[in-house]
C-alpha cells in the first residue's frame, strides 16, 4: 500500500466516522428536544434528517469535492494525470 493510498483511506475513514458522530449527535439532541417539548418523534426525526444530510455532504466534500455544486472544487490527486486536452495556456 502506497503512502498516498494510506492517506486517502485514512481521510475517508475519518469522514465516515464524522458522519456517524454527526448523525448520532443530532439524533440525541432531537431526542432531548422531544422530551422538553413533548412532541415525541418530531425533533428526533428532524435531527436524524439534518445529521444525515450534513454528514453526507461532509463525506462528499472529503471523498469527491469536485461533485459539490457549490464552493471548494477539489484539487486533483497526485497520482492522477492532468487532462492533456486542456493546457494552462488555453485559458
Protein backbone atom coordinates (compact mmCIF):
# COMPACT_ATOMS: atom_id res chain seq x y z
CA UNK A 1 0.00 0.00 0.00
CA UNK A 2 1.46 3.33 -1.03
CA UNK A 3 1.66 6.37 1.19
CA UNK A 4 -0.96 8.22 -0.90
CA UNK A 5 -3.37 5.27 -0.65
CA UNK A 6 -2.95 5.19 3.13
CA UNK A 7 -3.59 8.93 3.36
CA UNK A 8 -6.72 8.62 1.24
CA UNK A 9 -8.11 5.68 3.19
CA UNK A 10 -7.43 7.43 6.49
CA UNK A 11 -9.19 10.56 5.24
CA UNK A 12 -12.19 8.55 4.03
CA UNK A 13 -12.44 6.58 7.28
CA UNK A 14 -12.36 9.87 9.16
CA UNK A 15 -15.18 11.22 7.00
CA UNK A 16 -17.27 8.12 7.68
CA UNK A 17 -16.66 8.36 11.41
CA UNK A 18 -17.56 12.06 11.31
CA UNK A 19 -20.82 11.22 9.56
CA UNK A 20 -21.70 8.63 12.22
CA UNK A 21 -20.94 11.06 15.05
CA UNK A 22 -22.92 13.90 13.42
CA UNK A 23 -25.98 11.70 12.85
CA UNK A 24 -25.80 10.37 16.42
CA UNK A 25 -25.33 13.81 17.94
CA UNK A 26 -28.21 15.38 16.02
CA UNK A 27 -30.46 12.41 16.86
CA UNK A 28 -29.57 12.74 20.56
CA UNK A 29 -30.26 16.49 20.53
CA UNK A 30 -33.56 15.83 18.77
CA UNK A 31 -34.43 13.27 21.45
CA UNK A 32 -33.67 15.83 24.17
CA UNK A 33 -35.85 18.44 22.46
CA UNK A 34 -38.65 15.87 22.16
CA UNK A 35 -38.51 15.35 25.92
CA UNK A 36 -38.69 19.08 26.60
CA UNK A 37 -41.50 19.85 24.18
CA UNK A 38 -43.45 16.56 24.40
CA UNK A 39 -43.56 16.35 20.60
CA UNK A 40 -42.30 12.77 20.70
CA UNK A 41 -40.89 11.77 17.31
CA UNK A 42 -40.74 15.18 15.59
CA UNK A 43 -37.34 16.53 16.69
CA UNK A 44 -35.74 13.09 16.69
CA UNK A 45 -36.68 12.64 13.04
CA UNK A 46 -35.58 16.17 12.18
CA UNK A 47 -32.28 15.57 13.95
CA UNK A 48 -31.73 12.32 12.06
CA UNK A 49 -32.54 14.00 8.76
CA UNK A 50 -30.30 17.03 9.37
CA UNK A 51 -27.47 14.85 10.65
CA UNK A 52 -27.69 12.51 7.66
CA UNK A 53 -27.72 15.38 5.14
CA UNK A 54 -24.86 17.20 6.85
CA UNK A 55 -22.83 14.02 7.25
CA UNK A 56 -23.40 13.03 3.64
CA UNK A 57 -22.29 16.46 2.40
CA UNK A 58 -19.14 16.13 4.52
CA UNK A 59 -18.38 12.69 3.08
CA UNK A 60 -18.83 14.03 -0.46
CA UNK A 61 -16.65 17.06 0.34
CA UNK A 62 -13.86 14.74 1.52
CA UNK A 63 -14.19 11.90 -0.98
CA UNK A 64 -15.17 13.77 -4.16
CA UNK A 65 -15.16 17.56 -3.66
CA UNK A 66 -15.49 18.19 -7.41
CA UNK A 67 -19.05 16.80 -7.21
CA UNK A 68 -20.26 19.58 -4.92
CA UNK A 69 -22.30 22.20 -6.76
CA UNK A 70 -21.00 24.99 -4.52
CA UNK A 71 -17.56 26.09 -3.36
CA UNK A 72 -14.42 24.06 -2.70
CA UNK A 73 -13.70 22.48 -6.03
CA UNK A 74 -11.18 19.79 -5.27
CA UNK A 75 -7.58 19.64 -6.39
CA UNK A 76 -6.67 16.56 -8.40
CA UNK A 77 -4.82 13.85 -6.50
CA UNK A 78 -1.09 13.45 -7.01
CA UNK A 79 -1.43 10.11 -8.77
CA UNK A 80 -3.94 11.32 -11.37
CA UNK A 81 -2.52 12.70 -14.58
CA UNK A 82 -3.65 16.14 -15.79
CA UNK A 83 -6.08 16.31 -18.68
CA UNK A 84 -3.94 16.58 -21.81
CA UNK A 85 -6.69 18.30 -23.84
CA UNK A 86 -6.59 21.38 -21.66
CA UNK A 87 -3.35 23.29 -21.26
CA UNK A 88 -2.87 26.23 -18.88
CA UNK A 89 -2.11 28.48 -21.86
CA UNK A 90 -5.50 27.82 -23.48
CA UNK A 91 -7.44 29.66 -20.76
